[in-house]
Amino acid sequence: MTRVAVVGEALVDVIGTTAHPGGSPVNVAVGLARLGLDVTMMTRFGRDAHGRLLEEHLARAGVTLAPGSAAPGARTSSAHVTLDEHGAAMYAFDVSWDVAPPDLGGFDLVHTGSIGAYLEPGASAVASALAGVPGGTVVSFDPNIRPALVGARAEAVARTERIAALSHIVKLSDEDASWLYPGMPVLDVLRRLSGLGARLAVATLGARGCLAIAGADVFEVPAPPVVVADTVGAGDSFMSGLLAALVADAGPGVVAAGTEPGRGWEHALRFALWSAAVTVARPGADPPWADELVSPGGDRPTHAA
C-alpha cells in the first residue's frame, strides 16, 4: 500500500459556538485515509479538549498520528468561521506553528501546504524536510493562501516558488493565484509553476471546475452540478481526490518519473472534482469515504451529489 505523509497545521474551526476538527492538511489526510490510503499526519496541537477532538477525528478516519504531534503544553490552534449568503467560508485565525523538521523517509507520497508552509518557526522546518525528501518520493503542495498569516506578498511568493520547485504536483485556487500574482491570468500562473518543475499544476475555479497544465497539455474540466451547502473543505477534498486517483491509477512512481498516468491526467482531475462535489453538498469539511464514490478507477460518485 502507498504510504503517505501529510505535514501541516491542525486546528479547530469554530462555527458559532461549535468546534469542528479542521485545518487544510488535516482535511487532506482524512480525505486520503477515507479513500483507502495509509496516511500519517505530522502536525502539532495540544492535549486539551480541542486537541482531543482532533486526535479522535484523525483516528476515526484511520490516520496515524506521528509521534510528538500531540504535545503536552502546546496550544491547539483555531479558526473562527463565518459563512456568507452563498455558503463561502471566511476565517479569523488564532494559530501557532512550531515543529521540528519531520522525518519524511520511507514514504511514497508527501503532501504539505497551507499555514504550515508559511508560518514561522515551523515553516522553515517543513521546507528543510522537503529539501531532503528521498528521490522517487512524490511531493504535492497546496499553498491555500491565508493572507493574514503568510507575511508580505513578495516573501510569500518566494516561499511558494521554493516549495513548488521541490514538488511534482502543485494545486492552488484561483483566489490563491490572484493574491500571489495580481493581474496575471490563471493559465500564466500555472505555466510559471510548471516551469519551476511541477509535473501537474492545477487551479481550482470554484463552480467552473478546474484548469491544469501537465507538460505541454492544458486541461479545462467543468465541475459537476451540485447544490451547495457550503464550501468548507472543498479544495482539500479536491486535493485528496486527485492524489488518490493518481495513486490508484498508476502509483506515485509514475508521477515522480514524469510519466502520464495510465488513464491520463484528465481522469484524475474529474475524480477530484467529484470528490469536492460530495463535500460541498453537505455542511463542513466532510470529505467522501470510498464507498460514497466509485473506486478511483471511476469518474463519478455512485450517487448524485
C-alpha atoms as a PDB file:
ATOM      1  CA  MET A   1       0.000   0.000   0.000  1.00  0.00           C
ATOM      2  CA  THR A   2       1.177   3.518  -0.821  1.00  0.00           C
ATOM      3  CA  ARG A   3       2.465   5.252   2.316  1.00  0.00           C
ATOM      4  CA  VAL A   4       1.530   8.923   2.593  1.00  0.00           C
ATOM      5  CA  ALA A   5       2.802  11.625   4.937  1.00  0.00           C
ATOM      6  CA  VAL A   6       0.801  14.822   5.353  1.00  0.00           C
ATOM      7  CA  VAL A   7       2.668  17.694   7.018  1.00  0.00           C
ATOM      8  CA  GLY A   8       0.982  20.827   8.298  1.00  0.00           C
ATOM      9  CA  GLU A   9      -1.223  22.534  10.826  1.00  0.00           C
ATOM     10  CA  ALA A  10      -4.150  21.059  12.695  1.00  0.00           C
ATOM     11  CA  LEU A  11      -6.794  23.340  14.142  1.00  0.00           C
ATOM     12  CA  VAL A  12     -10.432  23.528  15.097  1.00  0.00           C
ATOM     13  CA  ASP A  13     -12.918  25.514  13.019  1.00  0.00           C
ATOM     14  CA  VAL A  14     -15.288  27.307  15.357  1.00  0.00           C
ATOM     15  CA  ILE A  15     -18.640  27.926  13.673  1.00  0.00           C
ATOM     16  CA  GLY A  16     -20.968  29.723  16.041  1.00  0.00           C
ATOM     17  CA  THR A  17     -20.266  28.054  19.366  1.00  0.00           C
ATOM     18  CA  THR A  18     -19.353  24.641  17.954  1.00  0.00           C
ATOM     19  CA  ALA A  19     -15.787  23.451  17.300  1.00  0.00           C
ATOM     20  CA  HIS A  20     -15.104  21.186  14.324  1.00  0.00           C
ATOM     21  CA  PRO A  21     -11.767  19.484  13.563  1.00  0.00           C
ATOM     22  CA  GLY A  22     -10.046  21.109  10.605  1.00  0.00           C
ATOM     23  CA  GLY A  23      -7.039  22.695   9.007  1.00  0.00           C
ATOM     24  CA  SER A  24      -6.329  22.093   5.341  1.00  0.00           C
ATOM     25  CA  PRO A  25      -3.624  19.421   5.869  1.00  0.00           C
ATOM     26  CA  VAL A  26      -5.866  17.546   8.337  1.00  0.00           C
ATOM     27  CA  ASN A  27      -8.719  17.628   5.821  1.00  0.00           C
ATOM     28  CA  VAL A  28      -6.437  16.222   3.120  1.00  0.00           C
ATOM     29  CA  ALA A  29      -5.122  13.497   5.437  1.00  0.00           C
ATOM     30  CA  VAL A  30      -8.651  12.471   6.401  1.00  0.00           C
ATOM     31  CA  GLY A  31      -9.775  12.536   2.768  1.00  0.00           C
ATOM     32  CA  LEU A  32      -6.897  10.297   1.692  1.00  0.00           C
ATOM     33  CA  ALA A  33      -7.469   7.840   4.537  1.00  0.00           C
ATOM     34  CA  ARG A  34     -11.208   7.658   3.784  1.00  0.00           C
ATOM     35  CA  LEU A  35     -10.269   6.752   0.215  1.00  0.00           C
ATOM     36  CA  GLY A  36      -8.159   3.861   1.436  1.00  0.00           C
ATOM     37  CA  LEU A  37      -4.579   5.162   1.635  1.00  0.00           C
ATOM     38  CA  ASP A  38      -2.134   4.543   4.505  1.00  0.00           C
ATOM     39  CA  VAL A  39      -1.738   8.066   5.928  1.00  0.00           C
ATOM     40  CA  THR A  40       0.480   9.504   8.657  1.00  0.00           C
ATOM     41  CA  MET A  41      -0.265  13.037   9.899  1.00  0.00           C
ATOM     42  CA  MET A  42       2.686  15.138  11.085  1.00  0.00           C
ATOM     43  CA  THR A  43       1.372  18.151  12.960  1.00  0.00           C
ATOM     44  CA  ARG A  44       1.259  19.931  16.325  1.00  0.00           C
ATOM     45  CA  PHE A  45      -1.580  20.515  18.763  1.00  0.00           C
ATOM     46  CA  GLY A  46      -2.190  20.491  22.494  1.00  0.00           C
ATOM     47  CA  ARG A  47      -3.576  17.858  24.826  1.00  0.00           C
ATOM     48  CA  ASP A  48      -6.617  19.981  25.580  1.00  0.00           C
ATOM     49  CA  ALA A  49     -10.283  19.498  24.674  1.00  0.00           C
ATOM     50  CA  HIS A  50      -9.771  20.809  21.146  1.00  0.00           C
ATOM     51  CA  GLY A  51      -6.690  18.631  20.738  1.00  0.00           C
ATOM     52  CA  ARG A  52      -8.626  15.542  21.790  1.00  0.00           C
ATOM     53  CA  LEU A  53     -11.275  16.441  19.212  1.00  0.00           C
ATOM     54  CA  LEU A  54      -8.594  16.491  16.502  1.00  0.00           C
ATOM     55  CA  GLU A  55      -6.977  13.274  17.693  1.00  0.00           C
ATOM     56  CA  GLU A  56     -10.297  11.405  17.721  1.00  0.00           C
ATOM     57  CA  HIS A  57     -11.232  12.771  14.288  1.00  0.00           C
ATOM     58  CA  LEU A  58      -7.986  11.561  12.731  1.00  0.00           C
ATOM     59  CA  ALA A  59      -8.260   8.168  14.437  1.00  0.00           C
ATOM     60  CA  ARG A  60     -11.827   7.617  13.196  1.00  0.00           C
ATOM     61  CA  ALA A  61     -10.647   8.157   9.610  1.00  0.00           C
ATOM     62  CA  GLY A  62      -7.766   5.740  10.081  1.00  0.00           C
ATOM     63  CA  VAL A  63      -4.998   8.365  10.030  1.00  0.00           C
ATOM     64  CA  THR A  64      -1.887   7.523  12.066  1.00  0.00           C
ATOM     65  CA  LEU A  65      -0.680  10.440  14.185  1.00  0.00           C
ATOM     66  CA  ALA A  66       3.106  10.868  14.087  1.00  0.00           C
ATOM     67  CA  PRO A  67       4.882  10.788  17.465  1.00  0.00           C
ATOM     68  CA  GLY A  68       5.110  14.215  19.079  1.00  0.00           C
ATOM     69  CA  SER A  69       2.148  15.663  17.185  1.00  0.00           C
ATOM     70  CA  ALA A  70       0.008  15.845  20.329  1.00  0.00           C
ATOM     71  CA  ALA A  71       2.267  17.719  22.717  1.00  0.00           C
ATOM     72  CA  PRO A  72       1.749  18.500  26.414  1.00  0.00           C
ATOM     73  CA  GLY A  73       1.875  22.255  26.918  1.00  0.00           C
ATOM     74  CA  ALA A  74       1.213  23.063  23.256  1.00  0.00           C
ATOM     75  CA  ARG A  75      -1.759  25.227  22.332  1.00  0.00           C
ATOM     76  CA  THR A  76      -4.332  23.935  19.874  1.00  0.00           C
ATOM     77  CA  SER A  77      -4.878  26.448  17.078  1.00  0.00           C
ATOM     78  CA  SER A  78      -8.306  27.638  15.988  1.00  0.00           C
ATOM     79  CA  ALA A  79     -10.117  29.430  13.187  1.00  0.00           C
ATOM     80  CA  HIS A  80     -13.408  31.243  13.690  1.00  0.00           C
ATOM     81  CA  VAL A  81     -15.520  30.678  10.583  1.00  0.00           C
ATOM     82  CA  THR A  82     -18.320  32.799   9.163  1.00  0.00           C
ATOM     83  CA  LEU A  83     -20.315  31.867   6.077  1.00  0.00           C
ATOM     84  CA  ASP A  84     -21.662  34.356   3.552  1.00  0.00           C
ATOM     85  CA  GLU A  85     -25.036  34.071   1.829  1.00  0.00           C
ATOM     86  CA  HIS A  86     -23.536  31.666  -0.760  1.00  0.00           C
ATOM     87  CA  GLY A  87     -22.021  29.325   1.839  1.00  0.00           C
ATOM     88  CA  ALA A  88     -18.469  30.572   1.195  1.00  0.00           C
ATOM     89  CA  ALA A  89     -16.288  30.484   4.299  1.00  0.00           C
ATOM     90  CA  MET A  90     -14.291  33.353   5.791  1.00  0.00           C
ATOM     91  CA  TYR A  91     -11.758  32.743   8.564  1.00  0.00           C
ATOM     92  CA  ALA A  92     -10.240  34.591  11.531  1.00  0.00           C
ATOM     93  CA  PHE A  93      -7.215  32.652  12.805  1.00  0.00           C
ATOM     94  CA  ASP A  94      -5.525  32.088  16.154  1.00  0.00           C
ATOM     95  CA  VAL A  95      -2.639  29.852  15.102  1.00  0.00           C
ATOM     96  CA  SER A  96       0.768  28.844  16.401  1.00  0.00           C
ATOM     97  CA  TRP A  97       3.091  26.557  14.415  1.00  0.00           C
ATOM     98  CA  ASP A  98       6.326  25.309  15.968  1.00  0.00           C
ATOM     99  CA  VAL A  99       7.619  21.896  14.879  1.00  0.00           C
ATOM    100  CA  ALA A 100      10.922  20.093  14.466  1.00  0.00           C
ATOM    101  CA  PRO A 101      11.839  19.041  10.907  1.00  0.00           C
ATOM    102  CA  PRO A 102       9.722  15.916  10.265  1.00  0.00           C
ATOM    103  CA  ASP A 103      11.339  12.676   9.114  1.00  0.00           C
ATOM    104  CA  LEU A 104       9.937  12.049   5.626  1.00  0.00           C
ATOM    105  CA  GLY A 105      11.942   8.935   4.814  1.00  0.00           C
ATOM    106  CA  GLY A 106      10.050   5.767   3.925  1.00  0.00           C
ATOM    107  CA  PHE A 107       7.021   7.477   2.367  1.00  0.00           C
ATOM    108  CA  ASP A 108       5.877   7.194  -1.240  1.00  0.00           C
ATOM    109  CA  LEU A 109       3.950  10.475  -1.224  1.00  0.00           C
ATOM    110  CA  VAL A 110       4.370  13.625   0.879  1.00  0.00           C
ATOM    111  CA  HIS A 111       1.769  16.379   0.931  1.00  0.00           C
ATOM    112  CA  THR A 112       2.122  19.783   2.547  1.00  0.00           C
ATOM    113  CA  GLY A 113       0.843  23.325   2.308  1.00  0.00           C
ATOM    114  CA  SER A 114      -1.389  25.922   3.880  1.00  0.00           C
ATOM    115  CA  ILE A 115      -0.363  27.752   7.065  1.00  0.00           C
ATOM    116  CA  GLY A 116       2.242  25.106   7.902  1.00  0.00           C
ATOM    117  CA  ALA A 117       4.237  26.044   4.794  1.00  0.00           C
ATOM    118  CA  TYR A 118       4.347  29.771   5.642  1.00  0.00           C
ATOM    119  CA  LEU A 119       4.083  30.494   9.378  1.00  0.00           C
ATOM    120  CA  GLU A 120       7.355  30.538  11.287  1.00  0.00           C
ATOM    121  CA  PRO A 121       9.089  28.959  13.059  1.00  0.00           C
ATOM    122  CA  GLY A 122       7.523  25.732  11.766  1.00  0.00           C
ATOM    123  CA  ALA A 123       7.599  26.721   8.082  1.00  0.00           C
ATOM    124  CA  SER A 124      11.394  26.611   7.954  1.00  0.00           C
ATOM    125  CA  ALA A 125      11.363  23.125   9.491  1.00  0.00           C
ATOM    126  CA  VAL A 126       8.899  21.942   6.848  1.00  0.00           C
ATOM    127  CA  ALA A 127      10.946  23.456   3.998  1.00  0.00           C
ATOM    128  CA  SER A 128      14.123  21.841   5.329  1.00  0.00           C
ATOM    129  CA  ALA A 129      12.433  18.434   5.474  1.00  0.00           C
ATOM    130  CA  LEU A 130      11.056  18.760   1.938  1.00  0.00           C
ATOM    131  CA  ALA A 131      14.509  19.603   0.588  1.00  0.00           C
ATOM    132  CA  GLY A 132      15.728  16.270   1.932  1.00  0.00           C
ATOM    133  CA  VAL A 133      12.914  14.059   0.623  1.00  0.00           C
ATOM    134  CA  PRO A 134      14.404  10.925  -0.977  1.00  0.00           C
ATOM    135  CA  GLY A 135      14.351  10.670  -4.759  1.00  0.00           C
ATOM    136  CA  GLY A 136      11.322   8.886  -6.141  1.00  0.00           C
ATOM    137  CA  THR A 137       9.021  10.254  -3.434  1.00  0.00           C
ATOM    138  CA  VAL A 138       6.190  12.309  -4.900  1.00  0.00           C
ATOM    139  CA  VAL A 139       5.688  15.711  -3.272  1.00  0.00           C
ATOM    140  CA  SER A 140       2.406  17.600  -3.550  1.00  0.00           C
ATOM    141  CA  PHE A 141       1.795  21.176  -2.434  1.00  0.00           C
ATOM    142  CA  ASP A 142      -1.296  23.317  -1.898  1.00  0.00           C
ATOM    143  CA  PRO A 143      -0.453  26.912  -0.888  1.00  0.00           C
ATOM    144  CA  ASN A 144      -4.027  27.514   0.369  1.00  0.00           C
ATOM    145  CA  ILE A 145      -3.091  31.144   0.973  1.00  0.00           C
ATOM    146  CA  ARG A 146      -4.283  32.849   4.152  1.00  0.00           C
ATOM    147  CA  PRO A 147      -3.194  36.464   3.583  1.00  0.00           C
ATOM    148  CA  ALA A 148      -3.228  37.370   7.274  1.00  0.00           C
ATOM    149  CA  LEU A 149      -0.701  34.626   8.093  1.00  0.00           C
ATOM    150  CA  VAL A 150       1.724  34.330   5.168  1.00  0.00           C
ATOM    151  CA  GLY A 151       3.626  37.604   5.564  1.00  0.00           C
ATOM    152  CA  ALA A 152       4.359  40.159   2.853  1.00  0.00           C
ATOM    153  CA  ARG A 153       3.338  39.145  -0.667  1.00  0.00           C
ATOM    154  CA  ALA A 154       6.900  39.124  -2.034  1.00  0.00           C
ATOM    155  CA  GLU A 155       8.018  36.853   0.801  1.00  0.00           C
ATOM    156  CA  ALA A 156       5.025  34.562   0.321  1.00  0.00           C
ATOM    157  CA  VAL A 157       5.672  34.310  -3.432  1.00  0.00           C
ATOM    158  CA  ALA A 158       9.314  33.424  -2.833  1.00  0.00           C
ATOM    159  CA  ARG A 159       8.363  30.743  -0.321  1.00  0.00           C
ATOM    160  CA  THR A 160       5.647  29.396  -2.630  1.00  0.00           C
ATOM    161  CA  GLU A 161       8.058  29.104  -5.519  1.00  0.00           C
ATOM    162  CA  ARG A 162      10.759  27.443  -3.404  1.00  0.00           C
ATOM    163  CA  ILE A 163       8.346  24.717  -2.336  1.00  0.00           C
ATOM    164  CA  ALA A 164       6.781  24.462  -5.804  1.00  0.00           C
ATOM    165  CA  ALA A 165      10.257  23.806  -7.221  1.00  0.00           C
ATOM    166  CA  LEU A 166      10.508  20.772  -4.890  1.00  0.00           C
ATOM    167  CA  SER A 167       7.035  19.498  -5.803  1.00  0.00           C
ATOM    168  CA  HIS A 168       5.672  17.196  -8.501  1.00  0.00           C
ATOM    169  CA  ILE A 169       2.046  18.332  -8.050  1.00  0.00           C
ATOM    170  CA  VAL A 170       1.007  21.884  -7.195  1.00  0.00           C
ATOM    171  CA  LYS A 171      -2.634  22.757  -6.660  1.00  0.00           C
ATOM    172  CA  LEU A 172      -3.968  26.209  -5.819  1.00  0.00           C
ATOM    173  CA  SER A 173      -7.259  28.061  -6.091  1.00  0.00           C
ATOM    174  CA  ASP A 174      -7.912  30.896  -8.497  1.00  0.00           C
ATOM    175  CA  GLU A 175      -8.076  33.155  -5.406  1.00  0.00           C
ATOM    176  CA  ASP A 176      -4.605  31.958  -4.340  1.00  0.00           C
ATOM    177  CA  ALA A 177      -3.281  32.667  -7.830  1.00  0.00           C
ATOM    178  CA  SER A 178      -4.803  36.149  -7.853  1.00  0.00           C
ATOM    179  CA  TRP A 179      -3.319  37.021  -4.468  1.00  0.00           C
ATOM    180  CA  LEU A 180       0.151  35.685  -5.273  1.00  0.00           C
ATOM    181  CA  TYR A 181       0.333  37.125  -8.792  1.00  0.00           C
ATOM    182  CA  PRO A 182      -2.076  40.093  -9.077  1.00  0.00           C
ATOM    183  CA  GLY A 183      -3.254  40.682 -12.634  1.00  0.00           C
ATOM    184  CA  MET A 184      -1.654  37.525 -14.032  1.00  0.00           C
ATOM    185  CA  PRO A 185      -4.092  35.179 -15.831  1.00  0.00           C
ATOM    186  CA  VAL A 186      -4.525  31.859 -14.063  1.00  0.00           C
ATOM    187  CA  LEU A 187      -3.144  29.941 -17.035  1.00  0.00           C
ATOM    188  CA  ASP A 188       0.054  32.006 -16.904  1.00  0.00           C
ATOM    189  CA  VAL A 189       0.350  31.304 -13.167  1.00  0.00           C
ATOM    190  CA  LEU A 190       0.142  27.591 -13.919  1.00  0.00           C
ATOM    191  CA  ARG A 191       2.761  27.939 -16.639  1.00  0.00           C
ATOM    192  CA  ARG A 192       5.030  29.651 -14.128  1.00  0.00           C
ATOM    193  CA  LEU A 193       4.597  26.833 -11.603  1.00  0.00           C
ATOM    194  CA  SER A 194       5.068  24.222 -14.315  1.00  0.00           C
ATOM    195  CA  GLY A 195       8.249  25.981 -15.344  1.00  0.00           C
ATOM    196  CA  LEU A 196       9.574  25.537 -11.811  1.00  0.00           C
ATOM    197  CA  GLY A 197       9.280  21.773 -12.255  1.00  0.00           C
ATOM    198  CA  ALA A 198       5.744  20.704 -11.350  1.00  0.00           C
ATOM    199  CA  ARG A 199       4.600  17.688 -13.389  1.00  0.00           C
ATOM    200  CA  LEU A 200       0.996  18.802 -12.829  1.00  0.00           C
ATOM    201  CA  ALA A 201      -0.074  22.357 -11.926  1.00  0.00           C
ATOM    202  CA  VAL A 202      -3.777  22.786 -11.146  1.00  0.00           C
ATOM    203  CA  ALA A 203      -6.024  25.730 -10.310  1.00  0.00           C
ATOM    204  CA  THR A 204      -9.494  25.146  -8.917  1.00  0.00           C
ATOM    205  CA  LEU A 205     -12.070  27.616 -10.243  1.00  0.00           C
ATOM    206  CA  GLY A 206     -14.990  27.100  -7.870  1.00  0.00           C
ATOM    207  CA  ALA A 207     -18.226  26.275  -9.669  1.00  0.00           C
ATOM    208  CA  ARG A 208     -16.400  26.456 -13.025  1.00  0.00           C
ATOM    209  CA  GLY A 209     -14.258  23.389 -12.295  1.00  0.00           C
ATOM    210  CA  CYS A 210     -10.502  23.428 -12.749  1.00  0.00           C
ATOM    211  CA  LEU A 211      -7.700  24.367 -15.121  1.00  0.00           C
ATOM    212  CA  ALA A 212      -4.476  22.366 -15.286  1.00  0.00           C
ATOM    213  CA  ILE A 213      -1.165  22.070 -17.101  1.00  0.00           C
ATOM    214  CA  ALA A 214       0.876  18.882 -17.462  1.00  0.00           C
ATOM    215  CA  GLY A 215       3.871  19.447 -19.697  1.00  0.00           C
ATOM    216  CA  ALA A 216       2.583  20.880 -22.971  1.00  0.00           C
ATOM    217  CA  ASP A 217      -1.001  19.754 -22.301  1.00  0.00           C
ATOM    218  CA  VAL A 218      -3.700  22.086 -20.977  1.00  0.00           C
ATOM    219  CA  PHE A 219      -6.907  20.755 -19.405  1.00  0.00           C
ATOM    220  CA  GLU A 220     -10.060  22.693 -18.611  1.00  0.00           C
ATOM    221  CA  VAL A 221     -12.507  20.432 -16.789  1.00  0.00           C
ATOM    222  CA  PRO A 222     -16.006  21.563 -15.748  1.00  0.00           C
ATOM    223  CA  ALA A 223     -17.359  20.928 -12.263  1.00  0.00           C
ATOM    224  CA  PRO A 224     -20.325  18.577 -11.874  1.00  0.00           C
ATOM    225  CA  PRO A 225     -23.629  20.225 -10.967  1.00  0.00           C
ATOM    226  CA  VAL A 226     -24.274  20.331  -7.221  1.00  0.00           C
ATOM    227  CA  VAL A 227     -26.493  22.093  -4.706  1.00  0.00           C
ATOM    228  CA  VAL A 228     -24.032  23.821  -2.364  1.00  0.00           C
ATOM    229  CA  ALA A 229     -24.434  23.528   1.396  1.00  0.00           C
ATOM    230  CA  ASP A 230     -21.135  25.344   1.987  1.00  0.00           C
ATOM    231  CA  THR A 231     -17.634  25.393   0.505  1.00  0.00           C
ATOM    232  CA  VAL A 232     -15.700  24.488   3.673  1.00  0.00           C
ATOM    233  CA  GLY A 233     -13.040  21.907   2.772  1.00  0.00           C
ATOM    234  CA  ALA A 234     -13.885  21.789  -0.939  1.00  0.00           C
ATOM    235  CA  GLY A 235     -10.339  22.437  -2.104  1.00  0.00           C
ATOM    236  CA  ASP A 236      -8.976  19.884   0.353  1.00  0.00           C
ATOM    237  CA  SER A 237     -11.373  17.201  -0.916  1.00  0.00           C
ATOM    238  CA  PHE A 238     -10.277  18.068  -4.455  1.00  0.00           C
ATOM    239  CA  MET A 239      -6.661  17.584  -3.370  1.00  0.00           C
ATOM    240  CA  SER A 240      -7.242  14.237  -1.655  1.00  0.00           C
ATOM    241  CA  GLY A 241      -9.380  13.007  -4.550  1.00  0.00           C
ATOM    242  CA  LEU A 242      -6.713  14.000  -7.060  1.00  0.00           C
ATOM    243  CA  LEU A 243      -3.917  12.254  -5.180  1.00  0.00           C
ATOM    244  CA  ALA A 244      -5.991   9.130  -4.526  1.00  0.00           C
ATOM    245  CA  ALA A 245      -6.918   8.849  -8.198  1.00  0.00           C
ATOM    246  CA  LEU A 246      -3.307   9.220  -9.320  1.00  0.00           C
ATOM    247  CA  VAL A 247      -2.102   6.623  -6.826  1.00  0.00           C
ATOM    248  CA  ALA A 248      -4.865   4.150  -7.736  1.00  0.00           C
ATOM    249  CA  ASP A 249      -4.256   4.626 -11.440  1.00  0.00           C
ATOM    250  CA  ALA A 250      -0.543   4.047 -11.596  1.00  0.00           C
ATOM    251  CA  GLY A 251       1.159   4.630  -8.251  1.00  0.00           C
ATOM    252  CA  PRO A 252       3.281   7.609  -7.261  1.00  0.00           C
ATOM    253  CA  GLY A 253       6.338   6.366  -9.147  1.00  0.00           C
ATOM    254  CA  VAL A 254       4.753   7.311 -12.458  1.00  0.00           C
ATOM    255  CA  VAL A 255       4.289  10.913 -11.341  1.00  0.00           C
ATOM    256  CA  ALA A 256       7.815  11.064  -9.941  1.00  0.00           C
ATOM    257  CA  ALA A 257       9.189   9.849 -13.254  1.00  0.00           C
ATOM    258  CA  GLY A 258       7.265  12.490 -15.166  1.00  0.00           C
ATOM    259  CA  THR A 259       5.124   9.925 -16.970  1.00  0.00           C
ATOM    260  CA  GLU A 260       1.425  10.460 -17.631  1.00  0.00           C
ATOM    261  CA  PRO A 261      -0.731   8.038 -15.611  1.00  0.00           C
ATOM    262  CA  GLY A 262      -2.475   5.255 -17.482  1.00  0.00           C
ATOM    263  CA  ARG A 263      -5.879   6.904 -17.842  1.00  0.00           C
ATOM    264  CA  GLY A 264      -4.385  10.349 -18.132  1.00  0.00           C
ATOM    265  CA  TRP A 265      -4.381  13.493 -16.067  1.00  0.00           C
ATOM    266  CA  GLU A 266      -7.932  14.453 -17.047  1.00  0.00           C
ATOM    267  CA  HIS A 267      -9.367  11.336 -15.435  1.00  0.00           C
ATOM    268  CA  ALA A 268      -7.726  12.247 -12.112  1.00  0.00           C
ATOM    269  CA  LEU A 269      -8.979  15.841 -12.378  1.00  0.00           C
ATOM    270  CA  ARG A 270     -12.558  14.660 -12.958  1.00  0.00           C
ATOM    271  CA  PHE A 271     -12.378  12.350  -9.960  1.00  0.00           C
ATOM    272  CA  ALA A 272     -11.033  15.214  -7.838  1.00  0.00           C
ATOM    273  CA  LEU A 273     -13.945  17.434  -8.883  1.00  0.00           C
ATOM    274  CA  TRP A 274     -16.454  14.728  -7.942  1.00  0.00           C
ATOM    275  CA  SER A 275     -14.779  14.333  -4.573  1.00  0.00           C
ATOM    276  CA  ALA A 276     -15.136  18.078  -3.989  1.00  0.00           C
ATOM    277  CA  ALA A 277     -18.760  17.998  -5.161  1.00  0.00           C
ATOM    278  CA  VAL A 278     -19.691  15.484  -2.479  1.00  0.00           C
ATOM    279  CA  THR A 279     -18.116  17.732   0.148  1.00  0.00           C
ATOM    280  CA  VAL A 280     -19.808  20.975  -0.883  1.00  0.00           C
ATOM    281  CA  ALA A 281     -23.185  19.213  -0.958  1.00  0.00           C
ATOM    282  CA  ARG A 282     -23.064  18.750   2.820  1.00  0.00           C
ATOM    283  CA  PRO A 283     -22.053  21.016   5.700  1.00  0.00           C
ATOM    284  CA  GLY A 284     -18.468  21.337   6.851  1.00  0.00           C
ATOM    285  CA  ALA A 285     -15.163  19.819   5.829  1.00  0.00           C
ATOM    286  CA  ASP A 286     -16.507  16.300   5.338  1.00  0.00           C
ATOM    287  CA  PRO A 287     -14.622  14.511   2.531  1.00  0.00           C
ATOM    288  CA  PRO A 288     -16.146  11.400   0.970  1.00  0.00           C
ATOM    289  CA  TRP A 289     -15.490   7.845   2.079  1.00  0.00           C
ATOM    290  CA  ALA A 290     -14.521   5.283  -0.529  1.00  0.00           C
ATOM    291  CA  ASP A 291     -17.972   3.706  -0.535  1.00  0.00           C
ATOM    292  CA  GLU A 292     -19.506   7.078  -1.453  1.00  0.00           C
ATOM    293  CA  LEU A 293     -17.512   7.182  -4.669  1.00  0.00           C
ATOM    294  CA  VAL A 294     -16.781   4.722  -7.379  1.00  0.00           C
ATOM    295  CA  SER A 295     -13.249   3.418  -6.817  1.00  0.00           C
ATOM    296  CA  PRO A 296     -10.648   5.898  -8.100  1.00  0.00           C
ATOM    297  CA  GLY A 297     -10.757   3.937 -11.351  1.00  0.00           C
ATOM    298  CA  GLY A 298     -14.184   5.501 -11.973  1.00  0.00           C
ATOM    299  CA  ASP A 299     -15.117   9.029 -12.889  1.00  0.00           C
ATOM    300  CA  ARG A 300     -18.023   9.960 -10.649  1.00  0.00           C
ATOM    301  CA  PRO A 301     -19.782   9.227  -7.362  1.00  0.00           C
ATOM    302  CA  THR A 302     -22.218   6.383  -7.125  1.00  0.00           C
ATOM    303  CA  HIS A 303     -24.880   8.893  -6.067  1.00  0.00           C
ATOM    304  CA  ALA A 304     -25.834  12.338  -7.335  1.00  0.00           C
ATOM    305  CA  ALA A 305     -24.179  14.873  -5.047  1.00  0.00           C
END
